Amino acid sequence: MTVLREGALELTLPNGVQGKKFDGPSHGLSHCMKAVDFILEEPDRILFVELKDPDHPHANSRNRKAFRNQLYSGVIVGDLVGKFRDSFIYRWAESAPDKPRGYYVLLAASELDKAMLLILTEELKRNLPVEGSTPGTWKRQMAAHCGVFNLATWNEHLPEYSVKRVVDDQKGS
């Protein structure tokens, strides 16, 4: 099994799934394009994954407050949309396999209840847009599905991609 790490969060991939860190030095275009944290490739679909960890034990109160301001002002959804779109374009330009794509976001914030996660998922779905343009005009989808989760709901809905917190000397993200 492969384990991918972002800050204090570890994502375990099931056997047969290829995964890579996408937002980092190897991306090469961080000056002009946003990137999701990870891209996972299953035999029949590709998953774009973004992890945000405002509850990181070493996060300072200023960073937590900034995250909450972005969350409740709606800025966070715009940022998440940009990360997906730029990553989609980057992969398209690479001639990546054309498989159905999903976009999963983990907001490791204990204050987010299921109702808030559903609202965020619907807003993300509307702004990607998952449904496409006028019915029947798009022949392909950018994303077949998306979801926003907290740590508990992620592990409940995606047990094959379990995430756990691993705290060490790392700073909050």
Protein backbone atom coordinates (compact mmCIF):
# COMPACT_ATOMS: atom_id res chain seq x y z
CA MET A 1 0.00 0.00 0.00
CA THR A 2 1.05 3.54 -0.76
CA VAL A 3 0.79 6.30 1.84
CA LEU A 4 0.72 9.95 0.78
CA ARG A 5 1.21 12.74 3.28
CA GLU A 6 0.16 16.37 3.40
CA GLY A 7 1.19 18.10 6.61
CA ALA A 8 -0.07 15.96 9.48
CA LEU A 9 -2.57 14.00 7.38
CA GLU A 10 -1.74 10.62 5.87
CA LEU A 11 -3.83 9.17 3.05
CA THR A 12 -3.52 5.40 2.56
CA LEU A 13 -4.21 4.11 -0.94
CA PRO A 14 -5.58 0.65 -1.61
CA ASN A 15 -3.61 -1.85 -3.68
CA GLY A 16 -3.88 -1.22 -7.39
CA VAL A 17 -4.28 2.56 -7.07
CA GLN A 18 -1.46 4.79 -8.24
CA GLY A 19 -1.08 8.11 -6.46
CA LYS A 20 1.25 11.07 -6.56
CA LYS A 21 1.79 14.37 -4.85
CA PHE A 22 0.75 16.94 -7.43
CA ASP A 23 1.29 20.34 -5.81
CA GLY A 24 4.97 20.71 -5.28
CA PRO A 25 8.23 21.47 -7.02
CA SER A 26 7.59 18.88 -9.74
CA HIS A 27 4.42 20.74 -10.80
CA GLY A 28 6.63 23.48 -12.25
CA LEU A 29 3.87 26.02 -12.84
CA SER A 30 2.93 27.03 -9.32
CA HIS A 31 3.60 30.65 -10.28
CA CYS A 32 0.56 30.65 -12.60
CA MET A 33 -1.50 27.53 -11.89
CA LYS A 34 -3.00 26.15 -8.70
CA ALA A 35 -2.77 22.44 -7.98
CA VAL A 36 -4.65 19.87 -5.95
CA ASP A 37 -2.58 18.02 -3.37
CA PHE A 38 -2.82 14.55 -4.92
CA ILE A 39 -3.92 12.81 -8.10
CA LEU A 40 -4.96 9.19 -7.72
CA GLU A 41 -5.47 6.85 -10.63
CA GLU A 42 -7.75 3.86 -10.36
CA PRO A 43 -8.24 1.47 -13.27
CA ASP A 44 -11.50 3.16 -14.29
CA ARG A 45 -11.33 6.72 -12.89
CA ILE A 46 -9.04 9.51 -11.71
CA LEU A 47 -9.45 11.25 -8.37
CA PHE A 48 -8.25 14.75 -7.59
CA VAL A 49 -7.76 15.18 -3.83
CA GLU A 50 -7.30 18.33 -1.78
CA LEU A 51 -6.58 18.24 1.97
CA LYS A 52 -6.87 21.25 4.26
CA ASP A 53 -6.12 20.93 7.96
CA PRO A 54 -7.18 23.92 10.06
CA ASP A 55 -7.41 21.65 13.13
CA HIS A 56 -3.72 20.71 12.87
CA PRO A 57 -2.45 20.70 16.47
CA HIS A 58 0.38 23.10 15.59
CA ALA A 59 -1.76 25.56 13.61
CA ASN A 60 -1.77 29.00 15.13
CA SER A 61 -4.95 30.89 15.97
CA ARG A 62 -4.33 33.43 13.18
CA ASN A 63 -4.28 30.66 10.53
CA ARG A 64 -7.39 29.04 12.01
CA LYS A 65 -9.21 32.38 11.97
CA ALA A 66 -8.15 33.02 8.35
CA PHE A 67 -9.44 29.59 7.33
CA ARG A 68 -12.80 30.22 9.03
CA ASN A 69 -13.08 33.63 7.36
CA GLN A 70 -12.47 32.03 3.96
CA LEU A 71 -14.93 29.25 4.75
CA TYR A 72 -17.82 31.43 5.87
CA SER A 73 -17.26 34.14 3.24
CA GLY A 74 -17.34 31.59 0.40
CA VAL A 75 -13.75 32.25 -0.65
CA ILE A 76 -12.75 28.65 0.11
CA VAL A 77 -15.05 27.23 -2.59
CA GLY A 78 -13.54 29.56 -5.19
CA ASP A 79 -10.06 28.44 -4.17
CA LEU A 80 -11.06 24.78 -4.39
CA VAL A 81 -12.63 25.30 -7.83
CA GLY A 82 -9.45 26.99 -9.07
CA LYS A 83 -7.29 24.12 -7.82
CA PHE A 84 -9.44 21.58 -9.65
CA ARG A 85 -9.70 23.54 -12.90
CA ASP A 86 -5.99 24.29 -13.12
CA SER A 87 -5.12 20.67 -12.28
CA PHE A 88 -7.62 19.46 -14.90
CA ILE A 89 -6.08 21.75 -17.55
CA TYR A 90 -2.55 20.69 -16.58
CA ARG A 91 -3.45 17.00 -16.88
CA TRP A 92 -5.31 17.64 -20.15
CA ALA A 93 -2.18 19.32 -21.56
CA GLU A 94 -0.16 16.24 -20.50
CA SER A 95 -2.60 14.04 -22.49
CA ALA A 96 -3.49 12.17 -19.30
CA PRO A 97 -5.88 9.24 -19.74
CA ASP A 98 -9.45 10.38 -20.37
CA LYS A 99 -11.27 8.63 -17.55
CA PRO A 100 -14.11 9.92 -15.41
CA ARG A 101 -12.75 12.29 -12.77
CA GLY A 102 -13.84 12.88 -9.20
CA TYR A 103 -12.83 15.66 -6.85
CA TYR A 104 -12.68 14.97 -3.12
CA VAL A 105 -11.89 17.65 -0.56
CA LEU A 106 -11.06 16.94 3.06
CA LEU A 107 -11.49 19.93 5.36
CA ALA A 108 -10.17 18.57 8.64
CA ALA A 109 -12.20 21.02 10.71
CA SER A 110 -14.18 19.46 13.55
CA GLU A 111 -16.68 22.34 13.51
CA LEU A 112 -18.03 21.25 10.11
CA ASP A 113 -21.16 19.17 10.56
CA LYS A 114 -22.87 17.08 7.89
CA ALA A 115 -25.27 19.89 6.95
CA MET A 116 -22.40 22.33 6.32
CA LEU A 117 -20.48 19.69 4.36
CA LEU A 118 -23.54 19.11 2.16
CA ILE A 119 -23.87 22.85 1.52
CA LEU A 120 -20.17 23.05 0.60
CA THR A 121 -20.46 19.99 -1.66
CA GLU A 122 -23.45 21.47 -3.50
CA GLU A 123 -21.69 24.80 -3.92
CA LEU A 124 -18.54 23.08 -5.20
CA LYS A 125 -20.63 20.95 -7.57
CA ARG A 126 -22.41 24.03 -8.93
CA ASN A 127 -19.20 26.02 -9.40
CA LEU A 128 -16.97 23.37 -11.02
CA PRO A 129 -19.51 22.81 -12.79
CA VAL A 130 -20.14 19.07 -12.49
CA GLU A 131 -23.39 19.25 -14.46
CA GLY A 132 -21.86 21.10 -17.39
CA SER A 133 -23.47 23.73 -19.55
CA THR A 134 -26.94 23.68 -21.04
CA PRO A 135 -28.16 20.06 -20.98
CA GLY A 136 -26.83 18.15 -23.96
CA THR A 137 -24.14 20.62 -25.03
CA TRP A 138 -21.14 19.08 -23.30
CA LYS A 139 -19.98 15.74 -24.65
CA ARG A 140 -17.58 15.14 -21.75
CA GLN A 141 -17.60 16.05 -18.09
CA MET A 142 -14.84 17.86 -16.26
CA ALA A 143 -15.80 15.98 -13.11
CA ALA A 144 -18.29 13.17 -12.72
CA HIS A 145 -18.68 13.80 -8.99
CA CYS A 146 -17.29 15.75 -6.07
CA GLY A 147 -17.58 15.84 -2.32
CA VAL A 148 -16.45 17.84 0.69
CA PHE A 149 -15.76 15.91 3.89
CA ASN A 150 -14.44 16.37 7.39
CA LEU A 151 -12.13 13.72 8.83
CA ALA A 152 -14.95 11.57 10.21
CA THR A 153 -17.15 11.67 7.11
CA TRP A 154 -14.16 11.07 4.81
CA ASN A 155 -13.32 7.81 6.57
CA GLU A 156 -17.00 6.87 6.71
CA HIS A 157 -17.66 7.43 2.98
CA LEU A 158 -14.20 6.58 1.60
CA PRO A 159 -12.88 3.79 3.86
CA GLU A 160 -10.67 2.45 1.08
CA TYR A 161 -8.82 5.80 1.19
CA SER A 162 -8.45 6.15 4.93
CA VAL A 163 -6.96 9.34 6.32
CA LYS A 164 -5.40 9.68 9.75
CA ARG A 165 -3.65 12.44 11.59
CA VAL A 166 0.04 11.91 12.34
CA VAL A 167 1.43 14.63 14.56
CA ASP A 168 5.14 15.23 14.83
CA ASP A 169 7.30 18.33 14.63
CA GLN A 170 5.58 19.70 11.51
CA LYS A 171 4.07 23.17 11.55
CA GLY A 172 0.37 23.71 10.89
CA SER A 173 -0.90 24.17 7.35
